[in-house]
C-alpha atoms as a PDB file:
ATOM      1  CA  MET A   1      37.119  71.879  -8.564  1.00  0.00           C
ATOM      2  CA  LYS A   2      34.167  73.546  -9.874  1.00  0.00           C
ATOM      3  CA  THR A   3      34.391  71.281 -13.494  1.00  0.00           C
ATOM      4  CA  ARG A   4      32.664  68.492 -13.760  1.00  0.00           C
ATOM      5  CA  MET A   5      36.121  66.509 -13.835  1.00  0.00           C
ATOM      6  CA  GLY A   6      37.227  68.015 -10.318  1.00  0.00           C
ATOM      7  CA  PHE A   7      33.746  66.412  -8.843  1.00  0.00           C
ATOM      8  CA  ARG A   8      34.834  63.554  -9.905  1.00  0.00           C
ATOM      9  CA  LEU A   9      38.378  63.792  -8.738  1.00  0.00           C
ATOM     10  CA  LEU A  10      36.661  64.972  -5.379  1.00  0.00           C
ATOM     11  CA  ALA A  11      34.706  61.800  -4.886  1.00  0.00           C
ATOM     12  CA  VAL A  12      37.392  59.034  -5.791  1.00  0.00           C
ATOM     13  CA  LEU A  13      39.300  60.532  -3.100  1.00  0.00           C
ATOM     14  CA  MET A  14      36.459  61.217  -0.827  1.00  0.00           C
ATOM     15  CA  MET A  15      36.012  57.504  -1.605  1.00  0.00           C
ATOM     16  CA  ALA A  16      39.670  55.988  -0.732  1.00  0.00           C
ATOM     17  CA  ALA A  17      39.019  58.414   3.010  1.00  0.00           C
ATOM     18  CA  PHE A  18      36.356  56.062   3.590  1.00  0.00           C
ATOM     19  CA  GLU A  19      37.614  52.962   2.447  1.00  0.00           C
ATOM     20  CA  ALA A  20      40.591  53.439   4.231  1.00  0.00           C
ATOM     21  CA  LEU A  21      38.621  54.464   7.808  1.00  0.00           C
ATOM     22  CA  PHE A  22      36.571  51.332   7.068  1.00  0.00           C
ATOM     23  CA  ALA A  23      40.007  49.000   6.862  1.00  0.00           C
ATOM     24  CA  THR A  24      41.515  50.791   9.512  1.00  0.00           C
ATOM     25  CA  LEU A  25      38.186  51.060  11.836  1.00  0.00           C
ATOM     26  CA  GLU A  26      37.530  46.632  10.558  1.00  0.00           C
ATOM     27  CA  VAL A  27      34.677  47.664   9.628  1.00  0.00           C
ATOM     28  CA  ASN A  28      32.065  47.154   6.035  1.00  0.00           C
ATOM     29  CA  GLY A  29      30.425  50.563   6.403  1.00  0.00           C
ATOM     30  CA  VAL A  30      29.336  53.412   7.829  1.00  0.00           C
ATOM     31  CA  GLU A  31      26.595  51.362   8.906  1.00  0.00           C
ATOM     32  CA  ASP A  32      28.392  49.457  10.951  1.00  0.00           C
ATOM     33  CA  LEU A  33      29.640  52.322  12.794  1.00  0.00           C
ATOM     34  CA  ASP A  34      28.358  53.300  16.373  1.00  0.00           C
ATOM     35  CA  VAL A  35      27.183  56.894  16.257  1.00  0.00           C
ATOM     36  CA  GLU A  36      29.260  58.018  18.503  1.00  0.00           C
ATOM     37  CA  THR A  37      32.143  57.335  16.360  1.00  0.00           C
ATOM     38  CA  LEU A  38      31.047  58.262  13.089  1.00  0.00           C
ATOM     39  CA  THR A  39      29.955  61.997  14.776  1.00  0.00           C
ATOM     40  CA  ALA A  40      34.177  61.969  16.249  1.00  0.00           C
ATOM     41  CA  VAL A  41      34.888  61.402  12.512  1.00  0.00           C
ATOM     42  CA  LEU A  42      32.658  63.535  10.658  1.00  0.00           C
ATOM     43  CA  LEU A  43      33.399  66.574  13.346  1.00  0.00           C
ATOM     44  CA  SER A  44      37.302  66.180  13.222  1.00  0.00           C
ATOM     45  CA  HIS A  45      36.451  67.617   9.406  1.00  0.00           C
ATOM     46  CA  VAL A  46      34.587  70.490  10.642  1.00  0.00           C
ATOM     47  CA  VAL A  47      36.253  73.822  10.917  1.00  0.00           C
ATOM     48  CA  GLU A  48      34.467  76.914  12.745  1.00  0.00           C
ATOM     49  CA  GLY A  49      33.853  79.822  10.504  1.00  0.00           C
ATOM     50  CA  ASN A  50      33.388  80.964   6.899  1.00  0.00           C
ATOM     51  CA  VAL A  51      37.464  79.347   5.787  1.00  0.00           C
ATOM     52  CA  VAL A  52      38.011  80.076   2.272  1.00  0.00           C
ATOM     53  CA  ALA A  53      40.586  77.665  -0.119  1.00  0.00           C
ATOM     54  CA  ALA A  54      43.235  80.504   0.417  1.00  0.00           C
ATOM     55  CA  ASP A  55      42.824  80.542   4.028  1.00  0.00           C
ATOM     56  CA  VAL A  56      43.703  76.685   4.160  1.00  0.00           C
ATOM     57  CA  SER A  57      47.118  75.242   4.255  1.00  0.00           C
ATOM     58  CA  SER A  58      48.322  71.351   3.704  1.00  0.00           C
ATOM     59  CA  GLY A  59      49.197  68.955   6.635  1.00  0.00           C
ATOM     60  CA  LEU A  60      48.676  68.435   9.937  1.00  0.00           C
ATOM     61  CA  THR A  61      48.101  71.441  12.323  1.00  0.00           C
ATOM     62  CA  ARG A  62      47.641  71.292  16.434  1.00  0.00           C
END
């Protein structure tokens, strides 16, 4: 996604994800979230170490 179009697509996908989160949590935006909830949401999308695209698979793993 190094192209300008790729970055636009990523931005659109991120916006859609945040809109879905806000709807699920019944809030209007990030300002309505407490620090603990926001921290938990953001940290659930962080992985440890140096991960490249080739190392990432689709789907959930637990």
